[in-house]
Amino acid sequence: MKTQYKKNTIYYMLTQYVQIILTIIYGVILIPFYLRYISTEMYGVWMATGNIMMWLSILMPDWSQLILQQLGVAYGAEDREEFSRILVCGIIIAISFGLVFYTVSWSASFFFEGWLNLPVGFELASLTNAFLLAAVGTALTVLGVTFSSVNLALQHTVSAGMANIAAMVVRVVSVVILLRQGYGILSLGYGNMLYGTTVLVVNVLFTVKFVWPMGLRFIFDFKALFKLIQLTAYSSLNKFGNIVSKQMEFFLVTRYLGGEEATMLKIIKVVPETLLLFATNVSVALMPAVSHSKGAGTIKDKMDALMKFTGIMFAFSCYLGGGIYELQETFVTLWVDSGIFAGQKIVFLVVANTVIVGVADTFGRYVFTVGKIKAVATARSISAVCQAGVMLAGLLLWGMEGMLIGAIMVACGLAMVFMIILIRAEKIPFLLWMVPIREFLLGLCAAVLSVAFVHPPLQASWKGLMLTGTLYTIGFAVLLVCISKNTRLYLVAVLRFLKKRFGFL
């Protein structure tokens, strides 16, 4: 079962970037289009119900990561029987999770009016129907990602990525068509349902294509089932912590400040959260190779490359964060309306929180993938409890700013905990684990200096936005190349690859 780690990872990374672009289209570029057909208040409340759905998904563990980790280790160890047991039991558990999730979502929909403090005359029926359609889509997605994880574990990363791309295209196209046909908020519900359906159908077809030639004998084992159930309990704690850390803001703001304030926060958060995926989601692309290496017993040989590449990711995160801070006000003014811009201080806090959460998520994925599932779950659940209290206290005392400062404090602590767990689990030498920290600090310095010397356009215009962004990019790149040896080494490697592959440079 030999695997071309580098080739598979690069291809999967490319599909991840395509998915991020589609996410930007769906979650950023199309928001003004949504607001032409959906009121600001309705859209803000929809964001809050989306977060309720995320909380309900605690019933389902961080399933895609869990099943990928288990299947990847079994495949790397060339244990076909264990692979079969995990596959069969995983499908059974995923179906059960989907049914339970929809049942609980349906029950929760009866309490929206009280939970969200909705005004008199609000279109509750349309909101509820859209929520239930989205719940169907989420349940189908859970089953679909089970088959996607099979494809990833077998190192067919491009196929898994293409399935997700197809589903995202279906969602974008269907939402646009339905909004123009006058379906309103129901359009978003139908879009999510069609997304889940596509994820399931396409991934099942790919799994049949790849598993059938293996002549795999399907085995059901109660012991394997109970083991997976036990791991899902820990994974659910991990999911709980993840949801609280990333999704609680909209519910709190909607509950205490109102739907319009929630929309304002969404406008500010959507750009950094989406663009920073270009840096942090690279760790997702590494998970199939890392889990396979763990099973094959070769992960220590690859730790040097992993830490150095992680440093590049962190420096890139700083670049994106600085650029977003510099240009966010201009972009929001051109994109939607200057009247719903929350202020530059909020932008700074949102960007800082998003960058730090990305660092924590990266180390958390590594720890999870090497098998320390219980440790990840414990750390996330404790941080979630702390963050819920800190964010609520901050919101009540100092408003939105206080809430975001509380989130940043907890995210910093979580990132440190995950890194310590990874260092101890894999016995990473000091000079090696310092690489991502060093590159993060160097990237931060380059971003701060670039922001200080490059000023945003005096008048909002797309031309000024592009010019400022170009100057910031040039300044950051020059500074980082000068101060980061790791960046210079990767730059030389890329240039050599281009010369070898295309015959120029």
Foldseek 3Di string as FASTA:
>chain_A
DDDPQVVLLVLLLVLLVLLLVLCCVVQPQCPQVLCVLAPLQLVLLLLLLVLVLLLLCLLFFVLLLQLLLQLLLCVLLVPLQSNLQSLVLSLVVLLVSLVVSLVVQLVCLVCSCVLLVDDPPDPSVLSSLLSSLLSLLVSLQSNLSSLLSNCLSVSVSNQSSVLLSVLSVQLVVQLSVVSVVNSRSSSNSNSSNSSSVSSRPSSVVVSCVPVVVVVRDRDHDVVSNVVVVVLRVLRSLLSNLVSLLPRVLSSLCSRPPNSLLSSLLSNLQSQLLSVLCSQLVSLVSSLSVCSSCLSNVNNLVCLLVVLLSLLVSLLVLLLSLLLCLQCVCLCCCVSHNNVSHPDSLLSNLSSLLSSLLSLLVSLLSSCVSSPVSNQSSVLSNVLSVQLVVQLNVLCVPPNPNSNSVSSNVSSNVSSVSSLVSVCVVSVDDPVRNCNNVVSNVQSNVQSVVLSVVQHQDPDRDPVSSVVSSVSSVVSSVVSSCVPPPSVVVVVVVVVVCCCVPVVDD
